[in-house]
Structure formats: C-alpha cells, structure tokens
Amino acid sequence: MLTRWLLKLCNHLMKRRPNGRREPQCRDKTKQQQQQSGNSIVVVIVVVVVVVVVVVVVVVVVVVAVAVVVVVVVVVVVVVVVVVVAVVVVVVVVVAVVIVVAAAAAAAVVVVVVVVVVVVVPVVVEVVAVVVLLVVVVVIVVVAVVKGNSSNSGYGSCHCDGDGDKGGRSKNHNCLVFGIKQ
C-alpha cells in the first residue's frame, strides 16, 4: 500500500515523456523503495522471530530453573524427613533396648531372690538345724561322759553297787553307763 502511494506521488511529481513512460529515475526510485520495503518486512520478520525465540528461550530457561529448584527442594525435604525418621527410629530402638535390658535385669534379680528364698534359705536352715542337733547331741554325750566319770551318782560310775567304795557290781545291776542299765 505504501509502495502504491509512493508510486502515485512519484508519477505526479515527475515529468512524463512523450510516450507516457516514466522517467527512469522514478522507476529506479520505485524499485529501490520496493526493495527497501521488502527488506523492511524481512527485517521486521527477523526481529519478530528473534524476539519470539528469545522469549521462548527465556521462558524455557525460567521453567527449567523453577523445575530444578522445585526438584532440589523436594529432594532436600525428602532427605530431611528420612534423616528425622531414621533418628526417631534409632532413639525408639535404643529406648526399647534399654527397657528390655532393664526388664531382663529386674527379672534376673527377682529370679535370684526367688531362688535364694525358695532353695538356698531352706537348705541353709536345714543344714543349720542339723549342725545344731549334732552340737546338742555331742554336748549331751560329752556332758554324760564327763558327769559319769566324775560322780558317784550311778550314771556311768563303777561305784553303783551300793556298798560304798568296796567295788563290785550291784545285785540288781542298776549301774548306768551313758544312761543305759547294765
């Protein structure tokens, strides 16, 4: 449209030849203007394409950068969550182990106390009773022997015949040795 208007303006301003043809300068100028006009359209198209390409590249770069940031944030959050869960699990396991060990130790103490009360104490009591009985028997025997040899009471004495110091055996055999009639 611009080219036509310039052509009309050129025809109006320039002198015409007798055969009605335009001056060569006008035609040359018109061709130059058409070429310039075509070149302008090409330049505009190139500029538009470049701008579109730049905008697309910028948008792609921004989208990729945002995606990378989002992926990094998600990975960091996942790693933090995994670490926190692992720490919690380790703490729970340690606490559980401590509780189990404490319960086992308490159970062992209870078992030891029960064994001592049920098994050891009766055995010790029986052993002590037997020892006390043996001591009592030994004491009784020793006392009987010592008393029988040192007195004229007739318990283990050879002077139990009733005639004083004359010796001999009793008529009724009532002489006692260790409490047994002879």
Protein backbone atom coordinates (compact mmCIF):
# COMPACT_ATOMS: atom_id res chain seq x y z
CA MET A 1 0.00 0.00 0.00
CA LEU A 2 2.81 2.29 0.86
CA THR A 3 4.52 1.35 -2.38
CA ARG A 4 1.47 2.34 -4.47
CA TRP A 5 1.12 5.64 -2.75
CA LEU A 6 4.79 6.42 -3.33
CA LEU A 7 4.43 5.38 -6.99
CA LYS A 8 1.47 7.75 -7.47
CA LEU A 9 3.34 10.55 -5.77
CA CYS A 10 6.35 9.92 -7.97
CA ASN A 11 4.22 9.93 -11.14
CA HIS A 12 2.59 13.15 -10.10
CA LEU A 13 5.78 14.96 -9.37
CA MET A 14 7.96 13.74 -12.25
CA LYS A 15 7.66 14.86 -15.85
CA ARG A 16 6.38 12.35 -18.28
CA ARG A 17 7.98 11.53 -21.60
CA PRO A 18 6.02 11.96 -24.79
CA ASN A 19 5.33 8.23 -24.99
CA GLY A 20 3.84 8.30 -21.46
CA ARG A 21 6.60 6.42 -19.86
CA ARG A 22 8.00 7.46 -16.56
CA GLU A 23 11.43 8.83 -16.00
CA PRO A 24 13.99 6.15 -15.30
CA GLN A 25 14.84 7.82 -12.00
CA CYS A 26 11.28 7.49 -10.83
CA ARG A 27 11.18 3.85 -11.79
CA ASP A 28 14.55 3.27 -10.16
CA LYS A 29 13.43 5.04 -7.04
CA THR A 30 10.25 2.98 -7.01
CA LYS A 31 12.23 -0.27 -7.33
CA GLN A 32 14.58 0.88 -4.60
CA GLN A 33 11.61 1.75 -2.43
CA GLN A 34 10.04 -1.63 -3.15
CA GLN A 35 13.31 -3.35 -2.28
CA GLN A 36 13.64 -1.26 0.87
CA SER A 37 10.04 -2.02 1.73
CA GLY A 38 10.70 -5.75 1.17
CA ASN A 39 13.86 -5.50 3.20
CA SER A 40 11.92 -3.76 5.97
CA ILE A 41 9.40 -6.57 6.03
CA VAL A 42 12.22 -9.12 6.18
CA VAL A 43 13.88 -7.15 8.99
CA VAL A 44 10.60 -6.96 10.88
CA ILE A 45 10.04 -10.69 10.39
CA VAL A 46 13.60 -11.44 11.52
CA VAL A 47 13.20 -9.16 14.54
CA VAL A 48 9.87 -10.78 15.44
CA VAL A 49 11.36 -14.27 15.04
CA VAL A 50 14.38 -13.32 17.15
CA VAL A 51 12.15 -11.79 19.81
CA VAL A 52 9.92 -14.87 19.82
CA VAL A 53 12.94 -17.18 20.02
CA VAL A 54 14.43 -15.11 22.85
CA VAL A 55 11.12 -15.10 24.73
CA VAL A 56 10.73 -18.87 24.23
CA VAL A 57 14.31 -19.49 25.39
CA VAL A 58 13.82 -17.25 28.42
CA VAL A 59 10.54 -18.98 29.28
CA VAL A 60 12.16 -22.42 28.85
CA VAL A 61 15.14 -21.40 30.99
CA VAL A 62 12.85 -19.98 33.68
CA VAL A 63 10.66 -23.10 33.63
CA VAL A 64 13.70 -25.38 33.79
CA ALA A 65 15.21 -23.30 36.61
CA VAL A 66 11.95 -23.40 38.56
CA ALA A 67 11.69 -27.14 37.95
CA VAL A 68 15.27 -27.67 39.12
CA VAL A 69 14.64 -25.55 42.22
CA VAL A 70 11.44 -27.47 42.94
CA VAL A 71 13.22 -30.82 42.47
CA VAL A 72 16.10 -29.72 44.71
CA VAL A 73 13.67 -28.50 47.39
CA VAL A 74 11.69 -31.75 47.19
CA VAL A 75 14.90 -33.81 47.40
CA VAL A 76 16.13 -31.79 50.38
CA VAL A 77 12.77 -32.14 52.13
CA VAL A 78 12.73 -35.90 51.47
CA VAL A 79 16.30 -36.27 52.75
CA VAL A 80 15.48 -34.24 55.88
CA VAL A 81 12.35 -36.30 56.50
CA VAL A 82 14.30 -39.55 56.02
CA VAL A 83 17.03 -38.39 58.41
CA VAL A 84 14.48 -37.30 61.02
CA VAL A 85 12.62 -40.62 60.71
CA ALA A 86 15.91 -42.52 60.98
CA VAL A 87 16.89 -40.57 64.11
CA VAL A 88 13.46 -41.20 65.65
CA VAL A 89 13.70 -44.92 64.82
CA VAL A 90 17.20 -45.12 66.34
CA VAL A 91 16.02 -43.33 69.50
CA VAL A 92 12.99 -45.63 69.78
CA VAL A 93 15.18 -48.71 69.27
CA VAL A 94 17.69 -47.52 71.88
CA VAL A 95 14.91 -46.79 74.37
CA ALA A 96 13.34 -50.18 73.67
CA VAL A 97 16.70 -51.92 74.17
CA VAL A 98 17.25 -50.04 77.44
CA ILE A 99 13.74 -51.00 78.60
CA VAL A 100 14.29 -54.65 77.63
CA VAL A 101 17.68 -54.76 79.34
CA ALA A 102 16.25 -53.13 82.47
CA ALA A 103 13.33 -55.57 82.47
CA ALA A 104 15.70 -58.50 82.00
CA ALA A 105 17.91 -57.27 84.83
CA ALA A 106 14.88 -56.83 87.09
CA ALA A 107 13.65 -60.31 86.15
CA ALA A 108 17.10 -61.75 86.86
CA VAL A 109 17.14 -60.07 90.27
CA VAL A 110 13.66 -61.43 91.01
CA VAL A 111 14.72 -64.92 89.90
CA VAL A 112 17.83 -64.76 92.07
CA VAL A 113 15.79 -63.58 95.07
CA VAL A 114 13.20 -66.32 94.50
CA VAL A 115 15.91 -68.97 94.15
CA VAL A 116 17.60 -67.74 97.30
CA VAL A 117 14.33 -67.65 99.25
CA VAL A 118 12.94 -70.93 97.91
CA VAL A 119 16.07 -73.06 97.58
CA VAL A 120 19.03 -71.62 99.46
CA VAL A 121 17.26 -70.46 102.63
CA PRO A 122 15.58 -73.84 103.34
CA VAL A 123 18.84 -75.68 102.66
CA VAL A 124 20.73 -73.33 104.95
CA VAL A 125 18.03 -73.69 107.61
CA GLU A 126 18.20 -77.49 107.36
CA VAL A 127 22.00 -77.50 107.49
CA VAL A 128 21.95 -75.18 110.49
CA ALA A 129 19.32 -77.35 112.18
CA VAL A 130 21.36 -80.50 111.56
CA VAL A 131 24.51 -78.80 112.83
CA VAL A 132 22.66 -77.52 115.91
CA LEU A 133 21.26 -81.02 116.54
CA LEU A 134 24.71 -82.55 116.14
CA VAL A 135 26.16 -79.98 118.51
CA VAL A 136 23.38 -80.68 121.00
CA VAL A 137 23.96 -84.45 120.73
CA VAL A 138 27.71 -84.03 121.10
CA VAL A 139 27.21 -81.73 124.08
CA ILE A 140 24.82 -84.21 125.68
CA VAL A 141 27.26 -87.08 125.10
CA VAL A 142 30.21 -85.10 126.41
CA VAL A 143 28.26 -83.95 129.45
CA ALA A 144 27.11 -87.51 130.14
CA VAL A 145 30.64 -88.91 129.83
CA VAL A 146 32.16 -86.19 131.96
CA LYS A 147 29.43 -86.48 134.62
CA GLY A 148 29.56 -90.27 134.64
CA ASN A 149 33.30 -90.37 135.23
CA SER A 150 33.37 -87.66 137.87
CA SER A 151 30.47 -88.51 140.23
CA ASN A 152 29.08 -91.38 142.35
CA SER A 153 25.58 -90.83 141.19
CA GLY A 154 25.45 -94.15 139.39
CA TYR A 155 25.49 -92.73 135.85
CA GLY A 156 28.49 -94.37 134.26
CA SER A 157 30.16 -94.95 137.60
CA CYS A 158 31.73 -98.16 138.66
CA HIS A 159 30.61 -97.45 142.28
CA CYS A 160 26.94 -98.09 141.75
CA ASP A 161 26.67 -101.34 143.73
CA GLY A 162 25.52 -99.67 146.87
CA ASP A 163 28.38 -100.74 149.16
CA GLY A 164 30.40 -97.55 149.04
CA ASP A 165 33.96 -97.84 147.86
CA LYS A 166 34.29 -101.59 148.16
CA GLY A 167 33.79 -102.17 144.46
CA GLY A 168 31.94 -104.90 142.70
CA ARG A 169 28.67 -104.97 140.90
CA SER A 170 25.26 -104.20 142.23
CA LYS A 171 22.93 -107.05 142.98
CA ASN A 172 20.17 -105.59 140.80
CA HIS A 173 22.51 -104.34 138.06
CA ASN A 174 21.26 -100.74 138.24
CA CYS A 175 24.60 -99.24 137.27
CA LEU A 176 24.12 -96.84 134.32
CA VAL A 177 26.69 -96.08 131.66
CA PHE A 178 25.63 -93.29 129.36
CA GLY A 179 22.12 -93.72 130.71
CA ILE A 180 21.88 -97.44 129.81
CA LYS A 181 21.28 -100.04 132.56
CA GLN A 182 23.98 -102.69 132.82
